[in-house]
Protein backbone atom coordinates (compact mmCIF):
# COMPACT_ATOMS: atom_id res chain seq x y z
CA MET A 1 -33.82 45.66 -8.54
CA LYS A 2 -35.77 45.62 -5.29
CA THR A 3 -34.47 48.77 -3.62
CA PRO A 4 -36.11 48.49 -0.15
CA SER A 5 -33.84 45.57 0.81
CA ARG A 6 -30.55 47.11 -0.30
CA LYS A 7 -27.70 47.04 2.23
CA ILE A 8 -25.27 49.90 1.80
CA LEU A 9 -21.60 49.18 2.46
CA SER A 10 -19.62 51.81 4.35
CA VAL A 11 -16.53 51.23 2.22
CA VAL A 12 -15.17 52.62 -0.99
CA LEU A 13 -15.81 50.08 -3.74
CA ALA A 14 -13.10 49.51 -6.33
CA VAL A 15 -12.76 49.75 -10.07
CA ALA A 16 -10.15 47.37 -11.53
CA VAL A 17 -8.95 46.88 -15.09
CA LEU A 18 -9.12 43.29 -16.31
CA ALA A 19 -6.24 42.29 -18.59
CA SER A 20 -6.32 38.49 -18.40
CA LEU A 21 -3.09 36.45 -18.05
CA LEU A 22 -4.84 33.33 -19.48
CA ALA A 23 -5.33 32.66 -23.16
CA THR A 24 -8.87 31.55 -22.45
CA SER A 25 -9.91 34.98 -21.03
CA VAL A 26 -10.48 37.25 -24.03
CA PHE A 27 -12.67 39.91 -22.46
CA ALA A 28 -11.11 43.12 -21.18
CA GLY A 29 -13.29 45.41 -19.11
CA GLN A 30 -13.77 47.15 -15.81
CA ARG A 31 -14.97 45.81 -12.49
CA ALA A 32 -18.35 47.34 -11.53
CA ILE A 33 -18.48 49.50 -8.38
CA GLY A 34 -22.27 49.44 -8.18
CA VAL A 35 -25.49 48.57 -9.98
CA GLY A 36 -27.99 51.02 -11.34
CA ALA A 37 -31.63 50.87 -12.43
CA VAL A 38 -33.02 53.19 -15.08
CA THR A 39 -35.65 55.52 -13.59
CA ALA A 40 -36.71 57.36 -16.72
CA ALA A 41 -39.41 55.95 -18.98
CA GLN A 42 -36.75 55.85 -21.66
CA SER A 43 -33.08 56.72 -21.30
CA THR A 44 -30.50 57.01 -24.08
CA MET A 45 -27.20 55.26 -23.54
CA ARG A 46 -24.46 57.28 -25.33
CA THR A 47 -20.82 56.77 -26.29
CA GLY A 48 -19.58 59.72 -24.18
CA PRO A 49 -20.65 61.82 -21.11
CA GLU A 50 -22.48 64.48 -23.13
CA SER A 51 -25.92 64.83 -24.64
CA ASP A 52 -24.66 65.16 -28.23
CA ALA A 53 -22.55 61.98 -28.10
CA ALA A 54 -23.55 59.12 -30.41
CA GLU A 55 -26.48 56.95 -29.31
CA LEU A 56 -25.73 53.34 -28.37
CA ALA A 57 -29.07 52.06 -27.08
CA GLN A 58 -32.45 53.03 -25.68
CA LEU A 59 -33.03 51.65 -22.14
CA THR A 60 -36.48 51.43 -20.57
CA ALA A 61 -37.42 52.06 -16.95
CA GLY A 62 -36.22 49.32 -14.65
CA THR A 63 -33.32 48.14 -16.78
CA ASP A 64 -30.41 47.09 -14.51
CA VAL A 65 -26.89 48.10 -15.57
CA ALA A 66 -23.40 47.80 -14.13
CA VAL A 67 -21.99 51.15 -12.94
CA LEU A 68 -18.26 51.67 -13.51
CA GLY A 69 -17.84 55.28 -12.33
CA GLN A 70 -19.07 58.85 -12.65
CA SER A 71 -17.98 61.68 -14.91
CA GLY A 72 -19.73 64.91 -14.00
CA ASP A 73 -23.44 64.50 -14.51
CA TRP A 74 -23.05 61.11 -16.23
CA TYR A 75 -22.55 57.56 -14.98
CA HIS A 76 -20.16 55.32 -16.89
CA ILE A 77 -22.00 52.03 -17.37
CA ASN A 78 -21.90 48.57 -19.03
CA TYR A 79 -25.01 46.93 -20.41
CA ASN A 80 -25.40 44.08 -22.94
CA ASP A 81 -21.60 44.02 -23.39
CA GLN A 82 -21.54 47.69 -24.43
CA TYR A 83 -19.79 50.56 -22.59
CA GLY A 84 -21.50 53.94 -22.47
CA TYR A 85 -22.97 56.72 -20.38
CA LEU A 86 -26.34 57.56 -18.83
CA PRO A 87 -27.41 60.78 -17.13
CA VAL A 88 -27.12 60.77 -13.28
CA SER A 89 -30.69 62.02 -13.13
CA GLU A 90 -31.99 58.92 -14.97
CA LEU A 91 -30.26 56.20 -12.97
CA GLU A 92 -30.74 54.97 -9.43
CA VAL A 93 -27.40 53.55 -8.16
CA SER A 94 -26.34 51.42 -5.19
CA PRO A 95 -23.01 49.75 -4.35
CA THR A 96 -24.87 46.59 -3.33
CA ALA A 97 -28.10 44.82 -4.23
CA ASP A 98 -29.55 41.88 -2.38
CA ASP A 99 -32.32 40.90 -4.70
CA LEU A 100 -31.77 41.63 -8.37
CA GLU A 101 -34.14 39.89 -10.73
CA THR A 102 -32.39 39.92 -14.12
CA THR A 103 -30.11 37.84 -16.32
CA GLY A 104 -26.57 38.23 -17.58
CA SER A 105 -24.25 36.70 -20.14
CA VAL A 106 -20.67 35.53 -19.55
CA THR A 107 -18.18 37.71 -21.39
CA ALA A 108 -14.96 35.95 -20.36
CA GLY A 109 -13.70 32.97 -22.31
CA THR A 110 -14.42 30.91 -19.19
CA ALA A 111 -15.63 32.41 -15.96
CA VAL A 112 -15.06 30.63 -12.66
CA VAL A 113 -18.11 30.58 -10.41
CA ARG A 114 -17.06 30.84 -6.79
CA SER A 115 -18.74 30.05 -3.46
CA ALA A 116 -18.22 33.58 -2.12
CA PRO A 117 -17.53 37.07 -3.58
CA GLU A 118 -13.76 36.88 -3.20
CA LEU A 119 -10.90 35.64 -5.32
CA THR A 120 -9.72 33.05 -2.85
CA ALA A 121 -13.12 31.40 -2.43
CA ALA A 122 -13.54 27.84 -3.66
CA GLY A 123 -14.77 27.38 -7.21
CA ILE A 124 -18.05 25.53 -7.66
CA GLY A 125 -17.85 25.36 -11.47
CA SER A 126 -17.20 27.37 -14.62
CA ALA A 127 -19.32 28.94 -17.29
CA ASP A 128 -18.22 29.40 -20.89
CA ARG A 129 -18.54 32.62 -22.88
CA TYR A 130 -22.09 33.65 -23.88
CA VAL A 131 -23.72 31.40 -21.30
CA SER A 132 -26.80 33.12 -19.82
CA LEU A 133 -27.32 33.03 -16.04
CA GLU A 134 -29.93 34.32 -13.62
CA VAL A 135 -28.51 37.21 -11.60
CA THR A 136 -29.84 37.72 -8.06
CA GLY A 137 -27.49 40.22 -6.42
CA PHE A 138 -24.35 42.35 -6.46
CA GLU A 139 -21.65 42.70 -3.81
CA SER A 140 -18.11 44.12 -3.85
CA GLY A 141 -17.65 43.87 -7.57
CA TRP A 142 -19.25 40.42 -7.90
CA PHE A 143 -22.59 39.35 -9.33
CA ARG A 144 -24.50 36.67 -7.43
CA VAL A 145 -25.86 34.10 -9.89
CA ILE A 146 -27.78 30.85 -10.02
CA PHE A 147 -25.44 28.16 -11.35
CA GLY A 148 -27.26 24.89 -11.87
CA GLU A 149 -28.93 24.29 -8.50
CA LYS A 150 -26.38 26.34 -6.57
CA GLU A 151 -25.83 29.99 -5.79
CA GLY A 152 -22.43 31.39 -6.64
CA TYR A 153 -20.54 34.51 -7.64
CA ILE A 154 -18.91 35.76 -10.89
CA ARG A 155 -16.70 38.79 -11.15
CA SER A 156 -18.56 41.72 -12.67
CA ASP A 157 -15.88 42.18 -15.38
CA GLU A 158 -16.70 38.63 -16.60
CA LEU A 159 -20.46 39.05 -16.98
CA THR A 160 -22.71 41.66 -18.61
CA LEU A 161 -26.31 42.35 -17.49
CA ASN A 162 -28.84 42.07 -20.30
CA GLY A 163 -32.02 40.65 -18.83
CA ALA A 164 -35.56 41.82 -18.38
CA PRO A 165 -35.88 43.42 -14.93
CA ILE A 166 -38.64 43.71 -12.40
CA ARG A 167 -39.09 47.22 -10.96
CA VAL A 168 -40.14 48.28 -7.50
CA ASP A 169 -40.81 51.66 -5.99
CA ASP A 170 -38.81 53.85 -3.57
CA PRO A 171 -35.64 54.44 -5.49
CA MET A 172 -32.59 55.78 -3.67
CA THR A 173 -31.78 59.47 -4.07
CA GLU A 174 -28.44 60.77 -5.21
CA GLU A 175 -27.95 62.24 -1.72
CA GLN A 176 -28.35 58.80 -0.15
CA ILE A 177 -25.83 57.32 -2.60
CA ALA A 178 -23.30 60.10 -1.98
CA ALA A 179 -23.61 59.68 1.76
CA GLU A 180 -22.62 56.00 1.63
CA THR A 181 -20.15 55.64 -1.20
CA SER A 182 -17.93 57.55 -3.59
CA LEU A 183 -18.32 56.93 -7.30
CA GLU A 184 -15.12 58.23 -8.85
CA ASP A 185 -13.49 57.41 -12.11
CA ASP A 186 -10.12 56.55 -10.50
CA PRO A 187 -10.68 54.78 -7.21
CA VAL A 188 -8.16 52.60 -5.37
CA GLU A 189 -7.65 49.30 -7.12
CA GLN A 190 -8.76 46.85 -4.40
CA ASP A 191 -7.55 43.75 -6.16
CA SER A 192 -4.01 45.09 -6.51
CA GLN A 193 -3.75 44.50 -2.75
CA LEU A 194 -3.85 40.77 -3.34
CA ALA A 195 -0.64 38.98 -4.41
CA ILE A 196 1.08 35.63 -4.48
CA ILE A 197 4.55 34.32 -3.70
CA ASN A 198 6.33 33.60 -6.98
CA GLY A 199 9.19 31.46 -5.63
CA SER A 200 9.82 28.49 -3.33
CA GLY A 201 10.84 28.82 0.32
CA VAL A 202 10.47 32.63 0.47
CA ASN A 203 11.11 34.20 3.90
CA LEU A 204 8.43 36.29 5.65
CA ARG A 205 10.47 38.56 7.92
CA ALA A 206 9.67 40.66 11.01
CA GLU A 207 11.42 43.73 9.59
CA MET A 208 12.55 45.07 6.19
CA SER A 209 15.98 43.43 6.38
CA THR A 210 17.54 40.18 5.32
CA ASP A 211 19.03 40.01 8.79
CA SER A 212 15.60 40.24 10.41
CA GLU A 213 13.86 37.36 12.16
CA VAL A 214 12.18 34.84 9.84
CA LEU A 215 8.53 34.51 10.81
CA ALA A 216 7.64 31.83 8.27
CA GLU A 217 8.80 30.22 5.05
CA LEU A 218 6.23 30.73 2.29
CA SER A 219 5.60 28.37 -0.59
CA ARG A 220 5.10 29.37 -4.21
CA GLY A 221 1.48 30.39 -4.80
CA THR A 222 0.76 31.48 -1.19
CA VAL A 223 -1.91 34.23 -1.35
CA LEU A 224 -1.01 37.49 0.44
CA THR A 225 -2.78 40.71 1.33
CA VAL A 226 -0.45 43.65 0.66
CA LEU A 227 -0.72 46.23 3.43
CA ASP A 228 1.95 48.71 2.35
CA VAL A 229 4.67 49.22 -0.27
CA PHE A 230 8.28 50.22 0.43
CA ASP A 231 11.46 50.40 -1.57
CA GLY A 232 12.22 46.77 -2.32
CA TRP A 233 9.72 45.35 0.24
CA TYR A 234 6.06 44.66 0.71
CA GLN A 235 4.33 44.58 4.08
CA VAL A 236 1.95 41.61 3.79
CA GLN A 237 -0.48 39.55 5.77
CA THR A 238 -1.05 35.82 5.33
CA GLY A 239 -3.23 33.99 7.77
CA ASP A 240 -2.48 35.33 11.28
CA LEU A 241 0.99 36.52 10.31
CA THR A 242 2.02 40.04 9.31
CA GLY A 243 5.54 40.78 8.07
CA TYR A 244 7.74 41.79 5.15
CA VAL A 245 8.65 40.07 1.91
CA ALA A 246 11.18 41.20 -0.67
CA SER A 247 9.23 42.62 -3.63
CA ALA A 248 11.12 40.42 -6.12
CA PHE A 249 9.33 37.35 -4.70
CA VAL A 250 5.83 38.84 -4.91
CA THR A 251 3.47 39.03 -7.90
CA LEU A 252 0.53 41.44 -7.53
CA ALA A 253 -2.84 40.08 -8.57
CA GLU A 254 -3.94 43.39 -10.14
CA GLY A 255 -7.53 42.31 -10.65
CA HIS A 256 -6.76 38.66 -11.43
CA ASP A 257 -7.48 35.46 -9.54
CA PRO A 258 -4.39 34.77 -7.34
CA SER A 259 -4.94 31.02 -7.59
CA GLN A 260 -4.45 31.22 -11.34
CA LEU A 261 -1.34 33.44 -11.19
CA LEU A 262 0.64 30.48 -10.00
CA ALA A 263 0.70 29.27 -13.61
CA GLU A 264 2.79 32.33 -14.52
CA THR A 265 5.55 31.35 -12.04
CA LEU A 266 5.96 27.73 -12.99
CA PRO A 267 8.27 26.34 -15.69
CA GLU A 268 6.69 25.00 -18.85
CA SER A 269 7.69 21.47 -18.14
CA SER A 270 9.36 19.44 -15.35
CA THR A 271 9.97 15.86 -14.48
CA SER A 272 9.14 16.63 -10.84
CA VAL A 273 5.81 17.45 -9.21
CA LEU A 274 5.69 21.22 -8.79
CA ALA A 275 2.32 21.63 -7.21
CA VAL A 276 -1.09 20.01 -6.65
CA GLY A 277 -4.22 21.04 -8.45
CA LEU A 278 -7.80 20.42 -7.39
CA VAL A 279 -10.31 20.21 -10.25
CA VAL A 280 -12.98 22.95 -10.37
CA GLY A 281 -16.21 21.80 -12.01
CA SER A 282 -17.50 18.44 -13.21
CA GLY A 283 -16.56 16.59 -16.35
CA VAL A 284 -13.36 18.62 -16.83
CA ARG A 285 -11.36 17.43 -19.87
CA MET A 286 -7.76 16.46 -19.68
CA ARG A 287 -6.25 16.89 -23.14
CA SER A 288 -3.20 15.50 -24.92
CA GLU A 289 -1.97 19.02 -25.88
CA PRO A 290 -2.53 22.51 -24.42
CA ASN A 291 -5.42 23.39 -26.78
CA THR A 292 -9.08 22.47 -27.23
CA ASP A 293 -8.57 20.99 -30.70
CA CYS A 294 -6.56 17.96 -29.59
CA SER A 295 -7.73 14.59 -28.28
CA ILE A 296 -9.28 14.08 -24.82
CA VAL A 297 -7.08 11.89 -22.61
CA SER A 298 -9.54 11.65 -19.68
CA THR A 299 -12.46 13.38 -17.98
CA LEU A 300 -12.04 14.40 -14.35
CA ASP A 301 -14.61 14.97 -11.63
CA ARG A 302 -14.87 17.96 -9.36
CA GLY A 303 -12.34 17.85 -6.51
CA ALA A 304 -9.95 15.37 -8.17
CA ALA A 305 -6.35 16.01 -7.12
CA VAL A 306 -3.68 16.01 -9.89
CA CYS A 307 0.07 16.42 -10.03
CA VAL A 308 1.11 19.67 -11.69
CA MET A 309 4.24 19.25 -13.83
CA GLY A 310 4.35 22.61 -15.58
CA ALA A 311 2.35 25.49 -17.01
CA ALA A 312 2.19 27.51 -20.23
CA ASP A 313 -0.25 29.70 -22.12
CA GLY A 314 -3.15 29.31 -19.70
CA TRP A 315 -2.75 25.51 -19.34
CA TYR A 316 -1.30 23.26 -16.64
CA ARG A 317 0.62 20.16 -17.62
CA ILE A 318 -0.52 17.44 -15.27
CA ASP A 319 -0.15 13.77 -14.31
CA TYR A 320 -3.19 11.89 -13.11
CA GLY A 321 -3.92 8.18 -12.78
CA GLY A 322 -0.72 7.34 -14.58
CA LYS A 323 -1.58 9.54 -17.58
CA GLY A 324 -0.06 12.82 -18.67
CA GLY A 325 -1.94 15.67 -20.29
CA TYR A 326 -3.18 19.25 -19.96
CA ILE A 327 -6.01 21.08 -18.20
CA ALA A 328 -6.98 24.74 -18.75
CA ALA A 329 -5.87 26.85 -15.78
CA ASP A 330 -9.43 28.01 -15.18
CA TYR A 331 -10.42 24.53 -14.13
CA LEU A 332 -7.74 24.00 -11.48
CA THR A 333 -7.10 25.54 -8.09
CA VAL A 334 -3.33 25.03 -7.66
CA SER A 335 -1.01 25.28 -4.68
CA GLU A 336 2.53 24.38 -3.91
CA ALA A 337 1.50 23.57 -0.35
CA THR A 338 -1.96 22.35 0.56
CA GLU A 339 -3.72 20.12 3.11
CA GLY A 340 -7.20 18.78 3.54
CA PHE A 341 -7.72 16.93 0.29
CA SER A 342 -8.09 13.16 0.10
CA CYS A 343 -7.08 10.75 -2.67
CA TYR A 344 -4.78 7.87 -3.38
CA ALA A 345 -1.36 7.58 -4.97
CA LEU A 346 0.22 4.66 -6.84
CA VAL A 347 3.86 3.97 -5.92
CA LEU A 348 6.05 3.87 -9.05
CA ALA A 349 9.43 3.08 -7.49
CA ASP A 350 10.73 -0.40 -6.67
CA SER A 351 10.86 0.42 -2.98
CA LEU A 352 9.87 3.92 -1.97
CA ASN A 353 10.87 5.34 1.42
CA MET A 354 8.30 7.07 3.59
CA ARG A 355 10.09 9.73 5.59
CA SER A 356 9.31 11.58 8.80
CA ALA A 357 9.50 15.01 7.16
CA PRO A 358 9.35 16.38 3.55
CA ASP A 359 13.09 16.05 3.09
CA ALA A 360 15.25 13.32 1.51
CA GLY A 361 17.51 13.49 4.62
CA ALA A 362 14.72 12.90 7.08
CA GLY A 363 14.41 9.64 8.97
CA ARG A 364 12.84 6.64 7.23
CA VAL A 365 9.46 5.59 8.66
CA THR A 366 8.93 2.57 6.38
CA SER A 367 9.26 1.56 2.73
CA VAL A 368 6.47 0.69 0.28
CA SER A 369 6.80 -1.55 -2.77
CA SER A 370 6.02 -0.70 -6.39
CA GLY A 371 2.35 -1.03 -7.34
CA SER A 372 1.12 -0.28 -3.79
CA TYR A 373 -1.43 2.44 -3.12
CA VAL A 374 -1.02 4.97 -0.32
CA ASP A 375 -3.55 7.41 1.17
CA VAL A 376 -2.77 11.09 0.43
CA SER A 377 -3.88 14.05 2.56
CA GLY A 378 -1.52 16.88 1.69
CA PHE A 379 1.34 18.23 -0.39
CA GLU A 380 4.37 20.37 0.53
CA ASN A 381 7.21 21.46 -1.74
CA GLY A 382 7.32 18.31 -3.87
CA TRP A 383 6.37 15.85 -1.13
CA PHE A 384 3.01 14.19 -0.39
CA HIS A 385 1.72 13.66 3.14
CA VAL A 386 0.71 9.95 3.10
CA SER A 387 -0.38 7.04 5.25
CA TYR A 388 0.07 3.34 4.67
CA ASN A 389 -0.66 0.36 6.88
CA GLY A 390 -0.89 2.50 9.98
CA SER A 391 2.26 4.56 9.29
CA THR A 392 2.18 8.23 8.29
CA GLY A 393 4.87 10.38 6.75
CA PHE A 394 6.03 11.92 3.51
CA MET A 395 6.86 10.56 0.08
CA SER A 396 8.53 12.25 -2.87
CA GLY A 397 6.04 13.20 -5.56
CA ASP A 398 8.53 12.12 -8.23
CA TYR A 399 7.67 8.47 -7.55
CA LEU A 400 3.89 8.71 -7.14
CA THR A 401 0.92 9.26 -9.42
CA LEU A 402 -2.42 10.45 -7.96
CA THR A 403 -5.76 8.76 -8.51
CA ASP A 404 -9.21 8.93 -6.95
CA SER A 405 -9.67 5.15 -6.87
CA LYS A 406 -7.77 2.28 -5.29
CA PRO A 407 -7.98 -0.92 -7.40
CA THR A 408 -7.87 -4.28 -5.71
CA PRO A 409 -4.28 -5.40 -6.04
CA VAL A 410 -3.27 -8.71 -7.57
CA THR A 411 -0.05 -10.67 -7.07
CA THR A 412 2.42 -10.86 -9.90
CA THR A 413 5.88 -12.47 -10.10
CA THR A 414 8.68 -10.07 -10.95
CA SER A 415 12.17 -11.45 -11.54
CA GLY A 416 11.61 -14.35 -9.14
CA SER A 417 10.07 -12.35 -6.33
CA SER A 418 6.45 -11.61 -5.47
CA SER A 419 5.10 -8.05 -5.28
CA SER A 420 1.67 -6.47 -5.05
CA SER A 421 0.50 -4.46 -8.06
CA SER A 422 -2.65 -3.48 -9.91
CA SER A 423 -3.53 -5.14 -13.16
CA SER A 424 -3.30 -1.74 -14.82
CA LYS A 425 -0.80 0.20 -12.66
CA GLY A 426 2.72 0.05 -11.32
CA SER A 427 6.30 0.60 -12.33
CA SER A 428 9.76 -0.52 -11.48
CA SER A 429 11.77 2.26 -12.97
CA SER A 430 13.02 4.12 -9.87
CA SER A 431 14.68 3.42 -6.54
CA SER A 432 13.62 4.67 -3.14
CA SER A 433 16.23 7.33 -2.81
CA SER A 434 16.92 8.45 -6.36
CA LYS A 435 15.68 7.86 -9.90
CA GLY A 436 17.36 4.77 -11.29
CA SER A 437 17.05 2.11 -13.95
CA THR A 438 15.50 -1.33 -13.79
CA SER A 439 17.94 -4.07 -12.78
CA LEU A 440 19.15 -6.09 -15.81
CA PRO A 441 18.16 -9.72 -16.03
CA SER A 442 20.88 -12.16 -17.16
CA GLY A 443 21.00 -13.90 -20.46
CA GLY A 444 18.61 -11.54 -22.22
CA SER A 445 15.62 -12.84 -20.33
CA ALA A 446 12.79 -10.44 -19.39
CA GLY A 447 11.67 -12.77 -16.62
CA ARG A 448 8.36 -14.53 -16.23
CA GLY A 449 5.31 -12.35 -16.33
CA SER A 450 1.57 -12.46 -16.97
CA GLY A 451 -0.74 -11.03 -19.60
CA THR A 452 -1.13 -11.36 -23.34
CA GLY A 453 -0.03 -9.30 -26.27
CA ALA A 454 -3.49 -7.76 -26.35
CA ASP A 455 -3.11 -6.83 -22.65
CA LEU A 456 0.16 -5.07 -23.42
CA VAL A 457 -1.44 -3.11 -26.23
CA ALA A 458 -4.39 -2.08 -24.05
CA GLU A 459 -1.99 -0.90 -21.36
CA GLY A 460 0.12 1.04 -23.90
CA GLU A 461 -2.99 2.78 -25.27
CA ARG A 462 -3.73 4.21 -21.81
CA TYR A 463 -0.74 6.54 -22.20
CA LEU A 464 -1.52 8.01 -25.61
CA GLY A 465 -0.79 11.69 -25.44
CA VAL A 466 1.72 11.48 -22.56
CA ARG A 467 4.60 13.88 -23.24
CA TYR A 468 7.96 12.77 -24.59
CA VAL A 469 10.70 13.32 -22.02
CA TYR A 470 14.23 12.26 -22.70
CA GLY A 471 15.17 9.61 -20.13
CA GLY A 472 11.53 9.42 -18.93
CA ALA A 473 10.19 6.08 -17.77
CA SER A 474 6.93 6.96 -15.97
CA PRO A 475 3.52 8.41 -16.86
CA SER A 476 4.93 11.83 -16.07
CA GLY A 477 6.90 11.51 -19.31
CA PHE A 478 8.38 8.75 -21.50
CA ASP A 479 11.13 8.26 -23.97
CA CYS A 480 10.77 5.37 -26.42
CA SER A 481 12.41 2.59 -24.39
CA GLY A 482 11.10 4.02 -21.12
CA PHE A 483 7.59 3.61 -22.51
CA THR A 484 8.03 -0.05 -23.56
CA MET A 485 9.87 -0.85 -20.33
CA TYR A 486 7.06 0.67 -18.26
CA VAL A 487 4.29 -1.13 -20.18
CA TYR A 488 5.96 -4.52 -19.87
CA ALA A 489 6.66 -3.91 -16.18
CA GLN A 490 2.91 -3.78 -15.51
CA PHE A 491 2.73 -7.46 -16.27
CA GLY A 492 5.88 -8.51 -14.43
CA TYR A 493 8.41 -8.34 -17.26
CA SER A 494 11.73 -6.67 -16.58
CA LEU A 495 13.35 -4.83 -19.52
CA PRO A 496 16.34 -2.46 -19.44
CA HIS A 497 16.17 1.20 -20.35
CA GLY A 498 17.56 1.77 -23.84
CA ALA A 499 16.29 0.67 -27.28
CA ASN A 500 19.55 -1.09 -28.24
CA ARG A 501 19.66 -2.87 -24.88
CA GLN A 502 16.07 -4.12 -25.32
CA LEU A 503 17.10 -5.40 -28.74
CA SER A 504 18.90 -8.34 -27.11
CA TYR A 505 15.75 -9.57 -25.26
CA GLY A 506 13.09 -11.99 -26.43
CA THR A 507 12.87 -13.95 -29.68
CA PRO A 508 13.60 -12.45 -33.15
CA ILE A 509 10.41 -12.15 -35.24
CA SER A 510 10.12 -11.51 -38.97
CA LYS A 511 8.11 -8.52 -40.06
CA GLY A 512 5.48 -10.77 -41.68
CA ASP A 513 4.92 -12.64 -38.40
CA LEU A 514 4.33 -9.67 -36.10
CA GLN A 515 1.69 -10.00 -33.38
CA PRO A 516 0.23 -7.46 -30.96
CA GLY A 517 2.57 -6.82 -28.09
CA ASP A 518 5.79 -7.46 -30.03
CA LEU A 519 8.59 -4.88 -29.92
CA VAL A 520 9.56 -3.22 -33.20
CA PHE A 521 12.97 -1.59 -33.59
CA PHE A 522 14.37 1.07 -35.88
CA TYR A 523 17.87 2.40 -36.57
CA GLY A 524 18.73 6.10 -36.68
CA THR A 525 19.75 8.59 -39.33
CA ASP A 526 22.89 10.72 -39.79
CA GLY A 527 25.12 7.78 -40.60
CA GLY A 528 24.07 5.72 -37.59
CA ASP A 529 24.80 2.03 -37.42
CA SER A 530 21.98 0.21 -39.22
CA SER A 531 22.51 -2.79 -36.96
CA SER A 532 21.99 -0.73 -33.79
CA ALA A 533 18.54 0.20 -32.53
CA SER A 534 17.89 3.87 -31.79
CA HIS A 535 14.11 3.64 -31.41
CA VAL A 536 11.55 1.08 -30.20
CA GLY A 537 7.77 0.80 -30.18
CA LEU A 538 4.98 -1.62 -29.28
CA TYR A 539 3.24 -3.33 -32.18
CA VAL A 540 -0.58 -2.99 -32.20
CA GLY A 541 -1.60 -4.83 -35.38
CA ASP A 542 -2.48 -3.99 -38.99
CA GLY A 543 0.92 -2.41 -39.51
CA THR A 544 0.46 0.05 -36.61
CA PHE A 545 2.58 0.55 -33.50
CA ILE A 546 2.51 2.77 -30.36
CA HIS A 547 5.64 4.65 -29.34
CA ALA A 548 6.94 7.69 -27.47
CA SER A 549 7.85 9.93 -30.40
CA SER A 550 10.53 12.63 -30.16
CA GLY A 551 9.27 14.16 -33.40
CA SER A 552 7.11 17.27 -33.76
CA SER A 553 4.27 15.79 -31.68
CA ARG A 554 6.62 14.75 -28.80
CA CYS A 555 4.21 12.40 -27.16
CA VAL A 556 3.06 8.78 -27.06
CA LYS A 557 1.22 8.22 -30.34
CA TYR A 558 0.25 5.74 -33.07
CA SER A 559 2.39 5.42 -36.17
CA SER A 560 2.42 3.13 -39.23
CA LEU A 561 5.20 0.82 -40.25
CA TYR A 562 4.35 1.88 -43.79
CA GLU A 563 5.26 5.56 -43.27
CA SER A 564 8.34 6.26 -45.36
CA TYR A 565 10.65 6.93 -42.37
CA TYR A 566 9.75 3.77 -40.49
CA THR A 567 9.80 1.67 -43.69
CA ASN A 568 13.28 2.94 -44.52
CA HIS A 569 14.65 2.54 -40.97
CA TYR A 570 12.97 -0.66 -39.82
CA LEU A 571 15.52 -2.92 -38.14
CA THR A 572 13.82 -5.96 -36.59
CA ALA A 573 11.23 -7.15 -34.09
CA ARG A 574 11.31 -9.10 -30.85
CA ARG A 575 8.67 -11.14 -29.05
CA ILE A 576 8.72 -11.14 -25.24
CA VAL A 577 5.22 -12.51 -24.61
CA GLY A 578 4.00 -15.76 -26.18
């Protein structure tokens, strides 16, 4: 620690207890209020603030440690992921340090590295537990670190110092320290003054009354600074506004990252877009289930915008590029209302209305056909701010899927009409004003389309891992017939929603003549009609099919026709293509 360049803050630094809300944060510790450098040739770190307490470690002169507080003549410290005490006389302490030259190891399951020493600062990446980083400074409870080729900040309760230091002369005296800061065991918890809104459309009022003037309507996840606490109300500040919010609609951060607290306020699963998340870090894995042991659906780049469909156990359920899956909450910055990001969205509805305001009752600006891509620049309470062919407005997130690329569209023929779609995207499962079903063709014909059976299989495989949702017919969630209907729709074929209704389409095929892309049908249990289809899947080949399973996995998956259930309940097959 180079003491001559230290800058002393004229504020009381905070100690906060970390008790992580995310399953991936397994470390529980205290936020440092300063850094100290051992001044004795050798100093004994002990388990308690007394000379006869058990010995933990021997620290040499110049060793940098995190200071958590003071108890009499002892400093409470953390070093090398151990908590203990050092004599005040053997430690030089400062609330800030501009030029540390040491290393530290990440103690959290995953630590977010931020661009500034504050919870609301943008994330520049994340570091897994036990990763060693160069530490160059300390400020307001944050360590400044070198992360790749960038400089960033990690909370001091998520990193422990353990590196070889470089000492300089002119240490600070205890009198100097006492003149600038207070090192107490029970200081004010700074981070408890940060909070988020935990509901949608919460009123910020001028006074502590439901009859008071409404200053603003706050979205779920809005970050607040709590100025004062009253019976049933918080006085808060957000942006340039100061007012009052009923305490029932506020969740205190209490040492946690407010951007990650949003996960605690969202339902586990929804068929609607609840929020937008921006990916923190590069090569972030989107998984088929909310755990690290399952398959990887996709890998997302830093800054990618995704639709958030739910949250549970430290994971967000998302939709991106027409695929459903999960991302650990540490890797997303999520908001129910946000502007300033840029991406594209694929229209999933037959004809989706663009409206003048984020409201289904607002005036229609224009309509956009299925398979078209619109430019996205913001999100507000379930609606995306979009532009298309010179028009700007809002579109419901229920009928869009975000992507960072805009494929060149190709023309396909759908039920006798021409529409623009991507070779790998698009849907015709919803209407412009409400979710609806695909219009039924007459005579059991699925219409003329393009593509081969192999193309259908390749398209179906793109959605492996997407969650099963009863009645679902989009990449946000599928049921069995919604999945086959959606896959076929990408190539211009129109099928109805319902396994038994799809049974009347195409040409009957014997089990021995199955080809990739054929539909395979099964009847149900519990005395169901063995001539009526209750389940449908897409045949892949070699006795394997893809389907949206409502079983224990509850996702789009591979299964074998030779599994006992599917062997015993096989009904028939139909060929639409070829």
